[in-house]
Amino acid sequence: MARMRLVLYQPDIPQNTGTILRLAACLGLAADIIEPCGFVLTDKRLRRAGMDYLDALALTRHTSWTAFEAARTRRLVLLTTRAATPYTAFTFQPEDMLLLGRESAGVPDAVHAAADARIKIPIRPDQRSLNVAVAAAMVTGEAMRQTGTFPADADPTYEELP
């Protein structure tokens, strides 16, 4: 079965990127980074945030949005404050690619339009947005809950703690 993927569009902040990649590694997801990044990908802060978890990650780097789109074969679900559908009302699929925009600017209109679906996390109207790593964790958790793809669900040898 194809794994869900976390896709980062031109990330700006290495600490957030490392945190999201660590999330993917811990949950057994694959990840994609669409370049250019706002930092050197081997940056110490990225390694510090991701720690040794990054060694367990299936990571694909794409040199551009065009290169990513040429390789993409699955449904792309964009997390955006500009969406109408709350993530809790959306039906996820196990092979979805969850796209996260740049911390500083989200995604351009062309990328927004190319997504197969757009979802949001409802927040107070007087606030702009959540941290991208927090948003990734919230939506990924719901997507995996809906699809029964948490490691404990997918691996019968995994032992739950009491």
C-alpha atoms as a PDB file:
ATOM      1  CA  MET A   1       0.000   0.000   0.000  1.00  0.00           C
ATOM      2  CA  ALA A   2       1.257   3.492  -0.841  1.00  0.00           C
ATOM      3  CA  ARG A   3       2.095   5.597   2.187  1.00  0.00           C
ATOM      4  CA  MET A   4       0.745   9.041   2.902  1.00  0.00           C
ATOM      5  CA  ARG A   5       3.311  11.759   2.195  1.00  0.00           C
ATOM      6  CA  LEU A   6       4.043  15.146   3.741  1.00  0.00           C
ATOM      7  CA  VAL A   7       5.085  17.669   1.106  1.00  0.00           C
ATOM      8  CA  LEU A   8       6.851  20.914   2.017  1.00  0.00           C
ATOM      9  CA  TYR A   9       6.706  23.698  -0.562  1.00  0.00           C
ATOM     10  CA  GLN A  10       9.882  25.820  -0.437  1.00  0.00           C
ATOM     11  CA  PRO A  11      10.219  25.755   3.363  1.00  0.00           C
ATOM     12  CA  ASP A  12      11.751  28.841   5.013  1.00  0.00           C
ATOM     13  CA  ILE A  13      12.610  27.717   8.537  1.00  0.00           C
ATOM     14  CA  PRO A  14      14.936  24.757   9.136  1.00  0.00           C
ATOM     15  CA  GLN A  15      13.605  24.055  12.630  1.00  0.00           C
ATOM     16  CA  ASN A  16      10.040  23.654  11.317  1.00  0.00           C
ATOM     17  CA  THR A  17      11.267  21.512   8.439  1.00  0.00           C
ATOM     18  CA  GLY A  18      13.214  19.278  10.816  1.00  0.00           C
ATOM     19  CA  THR A  19      10.189  18.926  13.082  1.00  0.00           C
ATOM     20  CA  ILE A  20       7.915  17.974  10.174  1.00  0.00           C
ATOM     21  CA  LEU A  21      10.448  15.475   8.831  1.00  0.00           C
ATOM     22  CA  ARG A  22      10.764  13.975  12.319  1.00  0.00           C
ATOM     23  CA  LEU A  23       6.959  13.692  12.462  1.00  0.00           C
ATOM     24  CA  ALA A  24       6.982  11.842   9.140  1.00  0.00           C
ATOM     25  CA  ALA A  25       9.773   9.493  10.262  1.00  0.00           C
ATOM     26  CA  CYS A  26       8.067   8.646  13.552  1.00  0.00           C
ATOM     27  CA  LEU A  27       4.728   7.932  11.871  1.00  0.00           C
ATOM     28  CA  GLY A  28       6.240   5.920   9.011  1.00  0.00           C
ATOM     29  CA  LEU A  29       5.340   8.461   6.339  1.00  0.00           C
ATOM     30  CA  ALA A  30       7.400   9.559   3.366  1.00  0.00           C
ATOM     31  CA  ALA A  31       8.216  13.219   2.763  1.00  0.00           C
ATOM     32  CA  ASP A  32       8.938  15.499  -0.173  1.00  0.00           C
ATOM     33  CA  ILE A  33      10.672  18.869  -0.226  1.00  0.00           C
ATOM     34  CA  ILE A  34      10.015  21.174  -3.160  1.00  0.00           C
ATOM     35  CA  GLU A  35      12.987  23.495  -3.563  1.00  0.00           C
ATOM     36  CA  PRO A  36      14.341  26.066  -3.377  1.00  0.00           C
ATOM     37  CA  CYS A  37      14.424  26.177   0.407  1.00  0.00           C
ATOM     38  CA  GLY A  38      15.075  29.301   2.406  1.00  0.00           C
ATOM     39  CA  PHE A  39      18.111  27.594   3.991  1.00  0.00           C
ATOM     40  CA  VAL A  40      20.779  25.060   3.099  1.00  0.00           C
ATOM     41  CA  LEU A  41      19.098  21.659   3.426  1.00  0.00           C
ATOM     42  CA  THR A  42      22.038  20.234   5.357  1.00  0.00           C
ATOM     43  CA  ASP A  43      21.763  23.102   7.830  1.00  0.00           C
ATOM     44  CA  LYS A  44      22.725  22.208  11.423  1.00  0.00           C
ATOM     45  CA  ARG A  45      19.400  23.496  12.746  1.00  0.00           C
ATOM     46  CA  LEU A  46      17.531  21.091  10.459  1.00  0.00           C
ATOM     47  CA  ARG A  47      19.618  18.153  11.722  1.00  0.00           C
ATOM     48  CA  ARG A  48      19.162  19.333  15.317  1.00  0.00           C
ATOM     49  CA  ALA A  49      15.372  19.472  14.985  1.00  0.00           C
ATOM     50  CA  GLY A  50      15.147  16.183  13.106  1.00  0.00           C
ATOM     51  CA  MET A  51      17.891  14.506  15.168  1.00  0.00           C
ATOM     52  CA  ASP A  52      18.686  10.925  14.188  1.00  0.00           C
ATOM     53  CA  TYR A  53      15.062  10.389  13.134  1.00  0.00           C
ATOM     54  CA  LEU A  54      15.902  11.712   9.675  1.00  0.00           C
ATOM     55  CA  ASP A  55      17.935   8.567   9.004  1.00  0.00           C
ATOM     56  CA  ALA A  56      14.669   6.559   9.073  1.00  0.00           C
ATOM     57  CA  LEU A  57      12.896   8.870   6.628  1.00  0.00           C
ATOM     58  CA  ALA A  58      12.085   8.244   2.975  1.00  0.00           C
ATOM     59  CA  LEU A  59      12.765  11.755   1.661  1.00  0.00           C
ATOM     60  CA  THR A  60      12.457  12.925  -1.945  1.00  0.00           C
ATOM     61  CA  ARG A  61      13.787  16.314  -3.003  1.00  0.00           C
ATOM     62  CA  HIS A  62      12.363  18.095  -6.054  1.00  0.00           C
ATOM     63  CA  THR A  63      14.299  20.909  -7.705  1.00  0.00           C
ATOM     64  CA  SER A  64      11.127  22.877  -8.484  1.00  0.00           C
ATOM     65  CA  TRP A  65       7.334  22.857  -8.466  1.00  0.00           C
ATOM     66  CA  THR A  66       7.440  21.817 -12.127  1.00  0.00           C
ATOM     67  CA  ALA A  67       9.646  18.820 -11.306  1.00  0.00           C
ATOM     68  CA  PHE A  68       7.337  17.826  -8.440  1.00  0.00           C
ATOM     69  CA  GLU A  69       4.229  18.052 -10.624  1.00  0.00           C
ATOM     70  CA  ALA A  70       5.885  15.967 -13.346  1.00  0.00           C
ATOM     71  CA  ALA A  71       6.547  13.198 -10.801  1.00  0.00           C
ATOM     72  CA  ARG A  72       3.242  13.405  -8.894  1.00  0.00           C
ATOM     73  CA  THR A  73       0.757  10.556  -9.355  1.00  0.00           C
ATOM     74  CA  ARG A  74      -1.486  10.977  -6.302  1.00  0.00           C
ATOM     75  CA  ARG A  75      -4.091  13.293  -4.866  1.00  0.00           C
ATOM     76  CA  LEU A  76      -2.596  16.510  -3.515  1.00  0.00           C
ATOM     77  CA  VAL A  77      -4.309  18.017  -0.457  1.00  0.00           C
ATOM     78  CA  LEU A  78      -3.243  21.576   0.387  1.00  0.00           C
ATOM     79  CA  LEU A  79      -3.422  22.894   3.952  1.00  0.00           C
ATOM     80  CA  THR A  80      -4.281  26.571   3.570  1.00  0.00           C
ATOM     81  CA  THR A  81      -5.984  29.360   5.459  1.00  0.00           C
ATOM     82  CA  ARG A  82      -7.755  30.186   2.169  1.00  0.00           C
ATOM     83  CA  ALA A  83      -9.762  26.926   2.117  1.00  0.00           C
ATOM     84  CA  ALA A  84     -13.450  26.588   2.893  1.00  0.00           C
ATOM     85  CA  THR A  85     -13.400  22.953   4.092  1.00  0.00           C
ATOM     86  CA  PRO A  86     -12.282  22.212   7.659  1.00  0.00           C
ATOM     87  CA  TYR A  87      -9.845  19.291   7.842  1.00  0.00           C
ATOM     88  CA  THR A  88     -12.200  17.481  10.228  1.00  0.00           C
ATOM     89  CA  ALA A  89     -14.943  17.474   7.552  1.00  0.00           C
ATOM     90  CA  PHE A  90     -12.638  16.149   4.811  1.00  0.00           C
ATOM     91  CA  THR A  91     -12.351  12.464   3.840  1.00  0.00           C
ATOM     92  CA  PHE A  92      -8.682  11.499   3.606  1.00  0.00           C
ATOM     93  CA  GLN A  93      -7.234   8.611   1.601  1.00  0.00           C
ATOM     94  CA  PRO A  94      -4.212   6.546   2.731  1.00  0.00           C
ATOM     95  CA  GLU A  95      -2.111   7.639  -0.265  1.00  0.00           C
ATOM     96  CA  ASP A  96      -2.811  11.386   0.007  1.00  0.00           C
ATOM     97  CA  MET A  97       0.004  13.894  -0.308  1.00  0.00           C
ATOM     98  CA  LEU A  98      -0.471  16.630   2.315  1.00  0.00           C
ATOM     99  CA  LEU A  99       1.036  19.874   1.019  1.00  0.00           C
ATOM    100  CA  LEU A 100       2.305  22.555   3.401  1.00  0.00           C
ATOM    101  CA  GLY A 101       3.224  26.008   2.134  1.00  0.00           C
ATOM    102  CA  ARG A 102       6.070  28.335   3.021  1.00  0.00           C
ATOM    103  CA  GLU A 103       5.943  29.780   6.507  1.00  0.00           C
ATOM    104  CA  SER A 104       6.331  33.300   5.104  1.00  0.00           C
ATOM    105  CA  ALA A 105       3.952  33.188   2.145  1.00  0.00           C
ATOM    106  CA  GLY A 106       2.021  29.922   1.804  1.00  0.00           C
ATOM    107  CA  VAL A 107       1.882  28.821  -1.830  1.00  0.00           C
ATOM    108  CA  PRO A 108       1.435  30.853  -5.019  1.00  0.00           C
ATOM    109  CA  ASP A 109      -1.960  30.924  -6.754  1.00  0.00           C
ATOM    110  CA  ALA A 110      -0.832  28.418  -9.411  1.00  0.00           C
ATOM    111  CA  VAL A 111       0.108  25.860  -6.751  1.00  0.00           C
ATOM    112  CA  HIS A 112      -3.143  26.563  -4.877  1.00  0.00           C
ATOM    113  CA  ALA A 113      -5.108  25.923  -8.077  1.00  0.00           C
ATOM    114  CA  ALA A 114      -3.171  22.717  -8.865  1.00  0.00           C
ATOM    115  CA  ALA A 115      -4.144  21.045  -5.575  1.00  0.00           C
ATOM    116  CA  ASP A 116      -6.878  18.434  -5.852  1.00  0.00           C
ATOM    117  CA  ALA A 117      -8.353  19.576  -2.529  1.00  0.00           C
ATOM    118  CA  ARG A 118      -7.845  22.459  -0.104  1.00  0.00           C
ATOM    119  CA  ILE A 119      -8.473  22.188   3.632  1.00  0.00           C
ATOM    120  CA  LYS A 120      -8.084  24.442   6.643  1.00  0.00           C
ATOM    121  CA  ILE A 121      -7.770  24.274  10.396  1.00  0.00           C
ATOM    122  CA  PRO A 122     -10.486  26.493  11.863  1.00  0.00           C
ATOM    123  CA  ILE A 123      -8.937  29.132  14.133  1.00  0.00           C
ATOM    124  CA  ARG A 124     -10.139  32.331  15.750  1.00  0.00           C
ATOM    125  CA  PRO A 125     -10.847  35.061  13.171  1.00  0.00           C
ATOM    126  CA  ASP A 126      -8.496  37.504  14.896  1.00  0.00           C
ATOM    127  CA  GLN A 127      -5.492  35.174  14.359  1.00  0.00           C
ATOM    128  CA  ARG A 128      -3.571  34.612  11.092  1.00  0.00           C
ATOM    129  CA  SER A 129      -2.392  31.015  11.220  1.00  0.00           C
ATOM    130  CA  LEU A 130      -0.812  28.225  13.211  1.00  0.00           C
ATOM    131  CA  ASN A 131       2.839  27.231  13.063  1.00  0.00           C
ATOM    132  CA  VAL A 132       3.320  24.999  10.005  1.00  0.00           C
ATOM    133  CA  ALA A 133       4.698  22.090  12.065  1.00  0.00           C
ATOM    134  CA  VAL A 134       1.732  22.251  14.457  1.00  0.00           C
ATOM    135  CA  ALA A 135      -0.661  22.334  11.486  1.00  0.00           C
ATOM    136  CA  ALA A 136       1.128  19.364   9.920  1.00  0.00           C
ATOM    137  CA  ALA A 137       0.790  17.328  13.116  1.00  0.00           C
ATOM    138  CA  MET A 138      -2.890  18.141  13.610  1.00  0.00           C
ATOM    139  CA  VAL A 139      -3.945  17.299  10.062  1.00  0.00           C
ATOM    140  CA  THR A 140      -1.677  14.270   9.732  1.00  0.00           C
ATOM    141  CA  GLY A 141      -3.111  12.853  12.955  1.00  0.00           C
ATOM    142  CA  GLU A 142      -6.665  13.214  11.666  1.00  0.00           C
ATOM    143  CA  ALA A 143      -5.743  11.796   8.256  1.00  0.00           C
ATOM    144  CA  MET A 144      -4.080   8.757   9.811  1.00  0.00           C
ATOM    145  CA  ARG A 145      -6.947   8.267  12.262  1.00  0.00           C
ATOM    146  CA  GLN A 146      -9.467   8.277   9.432  1.00  0.00           C
ATOM    147  CA  THR A 147      -7.458   5.906   7.252  1.00  0.00           C
ATOM    148  CA  GLY A 148      -6.318   3.555  10.035  1.00  0.00           C
ATOM    149  CA  THR A 149      -2.686   4.011   9.049  1.00  0.00           C
ATOM    150  CA  PHE A 150      -0.965   4.759  12.356  1.00  0.00           C
ATOM    151  CA  PRO A 151       2.000   2.400  12.873  1.00  0.00           C
ATOM    152  CA  ALA A 152       0.041   0.413  15.491  1.00  0.00           C
ATOM    153  CA  ASP A 153      -2.788  -0.055  12.973  1.00  0.00           C
ATOM    154  CA  ALA A 154      -0.511  -1.039  10.095  1.00  0.00           C
ATOM    155  CA  ASP A 155       1.957  -3.295  11.948  1.00  0.00           C
ATOM    156  CA  PRO A 156       0.476  -6.215  13.904  1.00  0.00           C
ATOM    157  CA  THR A 157       3.809  -6.720  15.742  1.00  0.00           C
ATOM    158  CA  TYR A 158       3.727  -3.203  17.175  1.00  0.00           C
ATOM    159  CA  GLU A 159       2.881  -3.304  20.874  1.00  0.00           C
ATOM    160  CA  GLU A 160       0.602  -0.704  22.382  1.00  0.00           C
ATOM    161  CA  LEU A 161       1.474   0.597  25.829  1.00  0.00           C
ATOM    162  CA  PRO A 162      -1.191  -0.007  28.482  1.00  0.00           C
END
